[in-house]
Amino acid sequence: MKTKTATILAIMNVLSWIAYIGISIKCGAIIFTYMLSLFNQQVAKDLYQGLNLYDLMNDSFLQYSLFVGITVGLLAIKVYVAHLAIKIISKINLTSPFDMALALQLEKISILILTLWLISLFATIYQELMDLPNMDWNGGEALFLSGLIFLFAQIFKKGAEIQAENDLTV
């Protein structure tokens, strides 16, 4: 019989995979429709789920490409974070949970989320300065999340150090 923690980890693994696949599909769809819009400008009217960038494309192809590039970049970072989360969840050992490699992965995720926040901050400023279509870059909570994950990484590091010391004394 599985413990409650093992069940929760299994559920989190499934949810992480769902997020990973969903964000990957969104990122891929935007890249694909952007490539199509290079040959048929009408595609820019519905780039992804009603995102109409047709006027922006006609005004400035550079602005259009930059806008799509920022969107794809942010999504790509989210995909990578979801990928790292899947790796972490699959590597957690419940009998000896504190691991230095796990702590380093958590630190990497916190840095990526901080990067996501910085890019979304600059993207929002750029969007407002250039009077571009309103795109919710979802960056506001990323700073808090980055700090929280960094804190957990530090706790895991300390736990790994204590666990290593205990293993040596036994």
N, C-alpha and C. Protein backbone atom coordinates (compact mmCIF):
# COMPACT_ATOMS: atom_id res chain seq x y z
N MET A 1 0.84 -1.18 0.00
CA MET A 1 0.00 0.00 0.00
C MET A 1 0.89 1.25 0.00
N LYS A 2 0.54 2.18 -0.87
CA LYS A 2 1.31 3.41 -0.97
C LYS A 2 1.02 4.34 0.20
N THR A 3 2.05 5.08 0.59
CA THR A 3 1.85 6.09 1.61
C THR A 3 1.18 7.31 0.99
N LYS A 4 0.70 8.17 1.84
CA LYS A 4 0.04 9.38 1.37
C LYS A 4 1.02 10.25 0.55
N THR A 5 2.26 10.33 1.00
CA THR A 5 3.27 11.13 0.30
C THR A 5 3.57 10.55 -1.08
N ALA A 6 3.67 9.23 -1.17
CA ALA A 6 3.92 8.59 -2.46
C ALA A 6 2.76 8.83 -3.42
N THR A 7 1.55 8.82 -2.91
CA THR A 7 0.37 9.08 -3.74
C THR A 7 0.38 10.53 -4.24
N ILE A 8 0.71 11.44 -3.35
CA ILE A 8 0.77 12.85 -3.73
C ILE A 8 1.86 13.07 -4.78
N LEU A 9 3.00 12.43 -4.62
CA LEU A 9 4.08 12.55 -5.62
C LEU A 9 3.65 11.97 -6.97
N ALA A 10 2.91 10.88 -6.95
CA ALA A 10 2.42 10.29 -8.20
C ALA A 10 1.44 11.24 -8.89
N ILE A 11 0.57 11.86 -8.12
CA ILE A 11 -0.38 12.82 -8.68
C ILE A 11 0.37 14.04 -9.23
N MET A 12 1.36 14.52 -8.48
CA MET A 12 2.15 15.66 -8.94
C MET A 12 2.92 15.33 -10.22
N ASN A 13 3.38 14.09 -10.33
CA ASN A 13 4.07 13.66 -11.53
C ASN A 13 3.14 13.74 -12.74
N VAL A 14 1.91 13.25 -12.57
CA VAL A 14 0.93 13.30 -13.66
C VAL A 14 0.60 14.75 -14.02
N LEU A 15 0.39 15.59 -13.00
CA LEU A 15 0.07 17.00 -13.26
C LEU A 15 1.24 17.72 -13.94
N SER A 16 2.46 17.37 -13.55
CA SER A 16 3.64 17.97 -14.19
C SER A 16 3.71 17.58 -15.66
N TRP A 17 3.42 16.32 -15.94
CA TRP A 17 3.41 15.87 -17.33
C TRP A 17 2.32 16.58 -18.13
N ILE A 18 1.16 16.78 -17.53
CA ILE A 18 0.07 17.49 -18.22
C ILE A 18 0.49 18.92 -18.52
N ALA A 19 1.10 19.59 -17.54
CA ALA A 19 1.58 20.96 -17.75
C ALA A 19 2.65 20.99 -18.84
N TYR A 20 3.58 20.06 -18.77
CA TYR A 20 4.66 19.99 -19.75
C TYR A 20 4.12 19.81 -21.16
N ILE A 21 3.20 18.89 -21.33
CA ILE A 21 2.63 18.64 -22.65
C ILE A 21 1.80 19.83 -23.12
N GLY A 22 0.99 20.40 -22.22
CA GLY A 22 0.15 21.54 -22.59
C GLY A 22 0.95 22.76 -23.01
N ILE A 23 1.96 23.11 -22.24
CA ILE A 23 2.79 24.27 -22.57
C ILE A 23 3.60 24.01 -23.83
N SER A 24 4.07 22.77 -24.00
CA SER A 24 4.80 22.41 -25.22
C SER A 24 3.93 22.56 -26.46
N ILE A 25 2.69 22.12 -26.35
CA ILE A 25 1.76 22.25 -27.48
C ILE A 25 1.51 23.72 -27.80
N LYS A 26 1.31 24.53 -26.77
CA LYS A 26 1.07 25.97 -26.99
C LYS A 26 2.29 26.61 -27.66
N CYS A 27 3.47 26.30 -27.16
CA CYS A 27 4.71 26.86 -27.72
C CYS A 27 4.87 26.41 -29.18
N GLY A 28 4.68 25.13 -29.41
CA GLY A 28 4.80 24.59 -30.77
C GLY A 28 3.76 25.18 -31.72
N ALA A 29 2.55 25.37 -31.23
CA ALA A 29 1.49 25.93 -32.07
C ALA A 29 1.81 27.36 -32.48
N ILE A 30 2.35 28.14 -31.54
CA ILE A 30 2.70 29.52 -31.87
C ILE A 30 3.85 29.56 -32.87
N ILE A 31 4.85 28.70 -32.68
CA ILE A 31 5.96 28.64 -33.64
C ILE A 31 5.45 28.23 -35.01
N PHE A 32 4.60 27.21 -35.04
CA PHE A 32 4.07 26.71 -36.31
C PHE A 32 3.24 27.77 -37.03
N THR A 33 2.35 28.43 -36.31
CA THR A 33 1.51 29.44 -36.96
C THR A 33 2.33 30.67 -37.36
N TYR A 34 3.37 30.98 -36.59
CA TYR A 34 4.25 32.08 -36.98
C TYR A 34 4.92 31.74 -38.32
N MET A 35 5.42 30.52 -38.43
CA MET A 35 6.06 30.09 -39.69
C MET A 35 5.06 30.14 -40.84
N LEU A 36 3.84 29.73 -40.57
CA LEU A 36 2.80 29.80 -41.62
C LEU A 36 2.50 31.24 -42.00
N SER A 37 2.54 32.13 -41.00
CA SER A 37 2.22 33.53 -41.28
C SER A 37 3.27 34.20 -42.17
N LEU A 38 4.46 33.61 -42.23
CA LEU A 38 5.48 34.14 -43.12
C LEU A 38 5.07 33.97 -44.59
N PHE A 39 4.28 32.94 -44.87
CA PHE A 39 3.83 32.66 -46.22
C PHE A 39 2.42 33.13 -46.50
N ASN A 40 1.60 33.21 -45.45
CA ASN A 40 0.22 33.65 -45.59
C ASN A 40 -0.09 34.59 -44.43
N GLN A 41 -0.15 35.89 -44.72
CA GLN A 41 -0.33 36.89 -43.66
C GLN A 41 -1.67 36.76 -42.94
N GLN A 42 -2.64 36.13 -43.56
CA GLN A 42 -3.96 35.98 -42.94
C GLN A 42 -3.88 35.11 -41.67
N VAL A 43 -2.88 34.26 -41.59
CA VAL A 43 -2.71 33.40 -40.42
C VAL A 43 -2.46 34.24 -39.17
N ALA A 44 -1.86 35.41 -39.32
CA ALA A 44 -1.56 36.28 -38.18
C ALA A 44 -2.83 36.81 -37.52
N LYS A 45 -3.98 36.68 -38.19
CA LYS A 45 -5.24 37.14 -37.58
C LYS A 45 -5.66 36.24 -36.42
N ASP A 46 -5.24 34.99 -36.44
CA ASP A 46 -5.53 34.08 -35.34
C ASP A 46 -4.29 33.22 -35.11
N LEU A 47 -3.28 33.85 -34.53
CA LEU A 47 -2.01 33.17 -34.33
C LEU A 47 -2.16 31.98 -33.38
N TYR A 48 -2.84 32.22 -32.28
CA TYR A 48 -3.11 31.15 -31.33
C TYR A 48 -4.25 31.57 -30.43
N GLN A 49 -5.29 30.79 -30.40
CA GLN A 49 -6.47 31.03 -29.56
C GLN A 49 -6.93 32.48 -29.58
N GLY A 50 -7.13 33.00 -30.77
CA GLY A 50 -7.67 34.35 -30.93
C GLY A 50 -6.66 35.48 -30.86
N LEU A 51 -5.39 35.18 -30.74
CA LEU A 51 -4.35 36.22 -30.70
C LEU A 51 -4.20 36.80 -32.10
N ASN A 52 -4.69 38.02 -32.29
CA ASN A 52 -4.69 38.68 -33.59
C ASN A 52 -3.51 39.66 -33.66
N LEU A 53 -2.51 39.29 -34.43
CA LEU A 53 -1.35 40.15 -34.62
C LEU A 53 -1.22 40.61 -36.06
N TYR A 54 -2.32 40.56 -36.80
CA TYR A 54 -2.30 40.91 -38.22
C TYR A 54 -1.89 42.37 -38.42
N ASP A 55 -2.49 43.28 -37.65
CA ASP A 55 -2.16 44.71 -37.80
C ASP A 55 -0.70 44.97 -37.42
N LEU A 56 -0.24 44.32 -36.38
CA LEU A 56 1.16 44.48 -35.98
C LEU A 56 2.10 43.98 -37.06
N MET A 57 1.74 42.87 -37.69
CA MET A 57 2.58 42.31 -38.76
C MET A 57 2.64 43.27 -39.95
N ASN A 58 1.52 43.88 -40.26
CA ASN A 58 1.48 44.82 -41.38
C ASN A 58 2.21 46.12 -41.06
N ASP A 59 2.17 46.55 -39.81
CA ASP A 59 2.85 47.78 -39.42
C ASP A 59 4.37 47.59 -39.39
N SER A 60 4.82 46.52 -38.73
CA SER A 60 6.25 46.27 -38.60
C SER A 60 6.50 44.78 -38.42
N PHE A 61 7.10 44.18 -39.42
CA PHE A 61 7.38 42.75 -39.33
C PHE A 61 8.39 42.48 -38.22
N LEU A 62 9.31 43.42 -37.99
CA LEU A 62 10.29 43.25 -36.92
C LEU A 62 9.60 43.22 -35.55
N GLN A 63 8.67 44.16 -35.32
CA GLN A 63 7.92 44.19 -34.06
C GLN A 63 7.10 42.91 -33.89
N TYR A 64 6.50 42.46 -34.97
CA TYR A 64 5.70 41.24 -34.96
C TYR A 64 6.58 40.05 -34.57
N SER A 65 7.74 39.94 -35.20
CA SER A 65 8.64 38.83 -34.92
C SER A 65 9.18 38.89 -33.50
N LEU A 66 9.48 40.09 -33.02
CA LEU A 66 9.97 40.25 -31.66
C LEU A 66 8.89 39.87 -30.64
N PHE A 67 7.67 40.29 -30.90
CA PHE A 67 6.54 39.97 -30.02
C PHE A 67 6.34 38.46 -29.94
N VAL A 68 6.36 37.80 -31.08
CA VAL A 68 6.20 36.34 -31.11
C VAL A 68 7.41 35.68 -30.45
N GLY A 69 8.60 36.20 -30.70
CA GLY A 69 9.82 35.65 -30.11
C GLY A 69 9.81 35.71 -28.60
N ILE A 70 9.35 36.83 -28.05
CA ILE A 70 9.25 36.97 -26.60
C ILE A 70 8.26 35.94 -26.05
N THR A 71 7.12 35.83 -26.71
CA THR A 71 6.10 34.87 -26.27
C THR A 71 6.64 33.44 -26.29
N VAL A 72 7.29 33.09 -27.38
CA VAL A 72 7.86 31.73 -27.50
C VAL A 72 8.97 31.53 -26.48
N GLY A 73 9.80 32.54 -26.26
CA GLY A 73 10.87 32.43 -25.28
C GLY A 73 10.35 32.17 -23.88
N LEU A 74 9.32 32.91 -23.49
CA LEU A 74 8.73 32.71 -22.17
C LEU A 74 8.12 31.31 -22.05
N LEU A 75 7.44 30.88 -23.11
CA LEU A 75 6.85 29.54 -23.08
C LEU A 75 7.93 28.46 -23.03
N ALA A 76 9.02 28.68 -23.75
CA ALA A 76 10.11 27.70 -23.75
C ALA A 76 10.73 27.56 -22.36
N ILE A 77 10.87 28.67 -21.64
CA ILE A 77 11.38 28.60 -20.27
C ILE A 77 10.41 27.82 -19.39
N LYS A 78 9.11 28.06 -19.57
CA LYS A 78 8.11 27.32 -18.79
C LYS A 78 8.16 25.83 -19.09
N VAL A 79 8.36 25.49 -20.36
CA VAL A 79 8.48 24.07 -20.74
C VAL A 79 9.68 23.45 -20.05
N TYR A 80 10.80 24.16 -20.04
CA TYR A 80 12.01 23.63 -19.41
C TYR A 80 11.83 23.47 -17.90
N VAL A 81 11.15 24.43 -17.28
CA VAL A 81 10.88 24.33 -15.84
C VAL A 81 10.00 23.11 -15.56
N ALA A 82 8.99 22.90 -16.39
CA ALA A 82 8.12 21.72 -16.22
C ALA A 82 8.93 20.44 -16.40
N HIS A 83 9.85 20.45 -17.36
CA HIS A 83 10.72 19.28 -17.58
C HIS A 83 11.58 19.00 -16.35
N LEU A 84 12.16 20.05 -15.79
CA LEU A 84 12.98 19.88 -14.58
C LEU A 84 12.13 19.40 -13.40
N ALA A 85 10.90 19.90 -13.30
CA ALA A 85 10.01 19.45 -12.23
C ALA A 85 9.72 17.95 -12.36
N ILE A 86 9.52 17.50 -13.58
CA ILE A 86 9.28 16.07 -13.81
C ILE A 86 10.50 15.26 -13.38
N LYS A 87 11.69 15.75 -13.73
CA LYS A 87 12.92 15.05 -13.34
C LYS A 87 13.06 15.00 -11.82
N ILE A 88 12.74 16.10 -11.15
CA ILE A 88 12.86 16.14 -9.69
C ILE A 88 11.88 15.17 -9.05
N ILE A 89 10.64 15.21 -9.49
CA ILE A 89 9.62 14.35 -8.90
C ILE A 89 9.96 12.88 -9.09
N SER A 90 10.50 12.55 -10.26
CA SER A 90 10.82 11.15 -10.51
C SER A 90 12.06 10.68 -9.75
N LYS A 91 12.91 11.60 -9.30
CA LYS A 91 14.13 11.23 -8.59
C LYS A 91 14.00 11.24 -7.07
N ILE A 92 12.89 11.74 -6.55
CA ILE A 92 12.76 11.84 -5.10
C ILE A 92 12.70 10.45 -4.48
N ASN A 93 13.57 10.23 -3.52
CA ASN A 93 13.63 8.98 -2.78
C ASN A 93 13.04 9.26 -1.40
N LEU A 94 11.91 8.66 -1.09
CA LEU A 94 11.22 8.98 0.15
C LEU A 94 11.95 8.47 1.40
N THR A 95 12.81 7.47 1.25
CA THR A 95 13.55 6.98 2.42
C THR A 95 14.73 7.88 2.74
N SER A 96 15.25 8.57 1.73
CA SER A 96 16.37 9.49 1.92
C SER A 96 16.14 10.69 1.00
N PRO A 97 15.22 11.58 1.39
CA PRO A 97 14.75 12.63 0.47
C PRO A 97 15.75 13.74 0.17
N PHE A 98 16.68 14.01 1.07
CA PHE A 98 17.58 15.13 0.86
C PHE A 98 18.77 14.70 0.02
N ASP A 99 18.91 15.35 -1.10
CA ASP A 99 19.96 15.00 -2.06
C ASP A 99 20.52 16.30 -2.62
N MET A 100 21.84 16.38 -2.72
CA MET A 100 22.48 17.60 -3.21
C MET A 100 22.11 17.87 -4.67
N ALA A 101 22.01 16.82 -5.48
CA ALA A 101 21.63 17.00 -6.88
C ALA A 101 20.22 17.57 -6.98
N LEU A 102 19.34 17.12 -6.11
CA LEU A 102 17.97 17.64 -6.07
C LEU A 102 17.97 19.11 -5.68
N ALA A 103 18.78 19.46 -4.71
CA ALA A 103 18.88 20.86 -4.28
C ALA A 103 19.39 21.74 -5.41
N LEU A 104 20.37 21.24 -6.16
CA LEU A 104 20.90 22.01 -7.29
C LEU A 104 19.86 22.16 -8.40
N GLN A 105 19.04 21.13 -8.61
CA GLN A 105 17.96 21.23 -9.59
C GLN A 105 16.94 22.29 -9.15
N LEU A 106 16.63 22.31 -7.86
CA LEU A 106 15.71 23.32 -7.35
C LEU A 106 16.27 24.73 -7.53
N GLU A 107 17.57 24.89 -7.29
CA GLU A 107 18.20 26.19 -7.51
C GLU A 107 18.11 26.59 -8.98
N LYS A 108 18.32 25.64 -9.87
CA LYS A 108 18.24 25.90 -11.30
C LYS A 108 16.83 26.36 -11.68
N ILE A 109 15.84 25.71 -11.10
CA ILE A 109 14.45 26.11 -11.37
C ILE A 109 14.19 27.51 -10.86
N SER A 110 14.70 27.84 -9.67
CA SER A 110 14.47 29.19 -9.13
C SER A 110 15.13 30.24 -10.01
N ILE A 111 16.31 29.95 -10.54
CA ILE A 111 16.99 30.90 -11.44
C ILE A 111 16.22 31.04 -12.74
N LEU A 112 15.70 29.95 -13.26
CA LEU A 112 14.91 30.02 -14.49
C LEU A 112 13.63 30.83 -14.29
N ILE A 113 12.99 30.64 -13.15
CA ILE A 113 11.77 31.40 -12.88
C ILE A 113 12.09 32.88 -12.67
N LEU A 114 13.23 33.18 -12.06
CA LEU A 114 13.67 34.57 -11.93
C LEU A 114 13.92 35.16 -13.32
N THR A 115 14.54 34.39 -14.19
CA THR A 115 14.75 34.82 -15.59
C THR A 115 13.42 35.06 -16.28
N LEU A 116 12.47 34.17 -16.04
CA LEU A 116 11.12 34.32 -16.60
C LEU A 116 10.50 35.63 -16.14
N TRP A 117 10.66 35.94 -14.85
CA TRP A 117 10.11 37.19 -14.32
C TRP A 117 10.77 38.40 -14.98
N LEU A 118 12.10 38.37 -15.11
CA LEU A 118 12.81 39.50 -15.71
C LEU A 118 12.38 39.71 -17.17
N ILE A 119 12.31 38.63 -17.92
CA ILE A 119 11.90 38.75 -19.33
C ILE A 119 10.47 39.26 -19.41
N SER A 120 9.59 38.75 -18.56
CA SER A 120 8.20 39.21 -18.61
C SER A 120 8.07 40.67 -18.19
N LEU A 121 8.93 41.11 -17.26
CA LEU A 121 8.93 42.51 -16.85
C LEU A 121 9.35 43.41 -18.03
N PHE A 122 10.46 43.05 -18.68
CA PHE A 122 10.90 43.83 -19.83
C PHE A 122 9.90 43.74 -20.98
N ALA A 123 9.27 42.59 -21.15
CA ALA A 123 8.28 42.43 -22.21
C ALA A 123 7.06 43.32 -21.96
N THR A 124 6.65 43.42 -20.72
CA THR A 124 5.51 44.28 -20.38
C THR A 124 5.85 45.75 -20.63
N ILE A 125 7.05 46.17 -20.24
CA ILE A 125 7.49 47.55 -20.49
C ILE A 125 7.56 47.81 -21.99
N TYR A 126 8.14 46.88 -22.72
CA TYR A 126 8.25 46.99 -24.18
C TYR A 126 6.86 47.07 -24.82
N GLN A 127 5.97 46.23 -24.34
CA GLN A 127 4.60 46.20 -24.86
C GLN A 127 3.90 47.54 -24.66
N GLU A 128 4.08 48.13 -23.49
CA GLU A 128 3.43 49.41 -23.21
C GLU A 128 4.08 50.56 -23.99
N LEU A 129 5.41 50.55 -24.10
CA LEU A 129 6.10 51.61 -24.84
C LEU A 129 5.75 51.60 -26.33
N MET A 130 5.66 50.41 -26.89
CA MET A 130 5.41 50.28 -28.33
C MET A 130 3.93 50.21 -28.66
N ASP A 131 3.07 50.28 -27.64
CA ASP A 131 1.62 50.20 -27.82
C ASP A 131 1.24 48.95 -28.61
N LEU A 132 1.75 47.82 -28.14
CA LEU A 132 1.50 46.53 -28.77
C LEU A 132 0.23 45.91 -28.20
N PRO A 133 -0.27 44.87 -28.85
CA PRO A 133 -1.46 44.20 -28.30
C PRO A 133 -1.21 43.73 -26.87
N ASN A 134 -2.26 43.79 -26.07
CA ASN A 134 -2.13 43.44 -24.66
C ASN A 134 -1.97 41.93 -24.51
N MET A 135 -0.83 41.56 -23.97
CA MET A 135 -0.53 40.14 -23.75
C MET A 135 -0.21 39.96 -22.28
N ASP A 136 -0.88 39.06 -21.62
CA ASP A 136 -0.61 38.80 -20.21
C ASP A 136 0.60 37.90 -20.12
N TRP A 137 1.73 38.45 -19.73
CA TRP A 137 2.98 37.69 -19.69
C TRP A 137 3.10 36.85 -18.43
N ASN A 138 2.18 36.99 -17.48
CA ASN A 138 2.16 36.18 -16.25
C ASN A 138 3.47 36.25 -15.49
N GLY A 139 3.99 37.42 -15.27
CA GLY A 139 5.27 37.53 -14.60
C GLY A 139 5.19 37.98 -13.16
N GLY A 140 4.07 38.52 -12.73
CA GLY A 140 3.97 39.11 -11.40
C GLY A 140 4.28 38.16 -10.27
N GLU A 141 3.74 36.98 -10.32
CA GLU A 141 3.94 36.03 -9.23
C GLU A 141 5.24 35.25 -9.36
N ALA A 142 5.92 35.38 -10.47
CA ALA A 142 7.13 34.60 -10.71
C ALA A 142 8.26 34.98 -9.75
N LEU A 143 8.36 36.24 -9.37
CA LEU A 143 9.41 36.67 -8.44
C LEU A 143 9.23 35.98 -7.09
N PHE A 144 8.01 35.97 -6.59
CA PHE A 144 7.71 35.31 -5.32
C PHE A 144 7.99 33.81 -5.43
N LEU A 145 7.55 33.20 -6.50
CA LEU A 145 7.75 31.76 -6.70
C LEU A 145 9.24 31.42 -6.78
N SER A 146 10.00 32.26 -7.45
CA SER A 146 11.44 32.04 -7.57
C SER A 146 12.10 32.07 -6.19
N GLY A 147 11.75 33.05 -5.39
CA GLY A 147 12.30 33.15 -4.04
C GLY A 147 11.91 31.97 -3.17
N LEU A 148 10.67 31.54 -3.29
CA LEU A 148 10.20 30.40 -2.51
C LEU A 148 10.93 29.11 -2.88
N ILE A 149 11.11 28.88 -4.16
CA ILE A 149 11.82 27.68 -4.61
C ILE A 149 13.28 27.76 -4.21
N PHE A 150 13.87 28.94 -4.28
CA PHE A 150 15.26 29.11 -3.84
C PHE A 150 15.39 28.77 -2.35
N LEU A 151 14.42 29.19 -1.56
CA LEU A 151 14.41 28.88 -0.14
C LEU A 151 14.35 27.36 0.07
N PHE A 152 13.48 26.69 -0.66
CA PHE A 152 13.40 25.23 -0.56
C PHE A 152 14.72 24.58 -0.97
N ALA A 153 15.36 25.13 -1.99
CA ALA A 153 16.65 24.58 -2.43
C ALA A 153 17.68 24.68 -1.31
N GLN A 154 17.68 25.81 -0.60
CA GLN A 154 18.63 25.97 0.50
C GLN A 154 18.32 24.99 1.64
N ILE A 155 17.04 24.77 1.90
CA ILE A 155 16.64 23.79 2.92
C ILE A 155 17.10 22.39 2.51
N PHE A 156 16.91 22.06 1.24
CA PHE A 156 17.34 20.75 0.75
C PHE A 156 18.86 20.61 0.82
N LYS A 157 19.58 21.69 0.53
CA LYS A 157 21.05 21.63 0.65
C LYS A 157 21.46 21.32 2.07
N LYS A 158 20.88 22.06 3.01
CA LYS A 158 21.22 21.84 4.43
C LYS A 158 20.81 20.43 4.84
N GLY A 159 19.66 19.98 4.40
CA GLY A 159 19.21 18.62 4.71
C GLY A 159 20.16 17.58 4.14
N ALA A 160 20.66 17.81 2.93
CA ALA A 160 21.61 16.88 2.30
C ALA A 160 22.92 16.85 3.09
N GLU A 161 23.36 18.01 3.57
CA GLU A 161 24.59 18.07 4.37
C GLU A 161 24.43 17.30 5.68
N ILE A 162 23.30 17.52 6.35
CA ILE A 162 23.04 16.84 7.62
C ILE A 162 22.90 15.34 7.38
N GLN A 163 22.21 14.96 6.32
CA GLN A 163 22.03 13.55 5.99
C GLN A 163 23.36 12.89 5.69
N ALA A 164 24.25 13.59 4.98
CA ALA A 164 25.59 13.05 4.67
C ALA A 164 26.40 12.88 5.96
N GLU A 165 26.31 13.84 6.88
CA GLU A 165 27.00 13.72 8.15
C GLU A 165 26.47 12.53 8.96
N ASN A 166 25.16 12.36 8.97
CA ASN A 166 24.57 11.23 9.70
C ASN A 166 24.97 9.90 9.09
N ASP A 167 25.08 9.85 7.77
CA ASP A 167 25.50 8.61 7.10
C ASP A 167 26.94 8.26 7.46
N LEU A 168 27.77 9.28 7.65
CA LEU A 168 29.17 9.05 7.99
C LEU A 168 29.33 8.58 9.45
N THR A 169 28.44 9.05 10.33
CA THR A 169 28.57 8.71 11.73
C THR A 169 28.01 7.34 12.05
N VAL A 170 27.22 6.78 11.17
CA VAL A 170 26.60 5.48 11.45
C VAL A 170 27.49 4.35 11.15
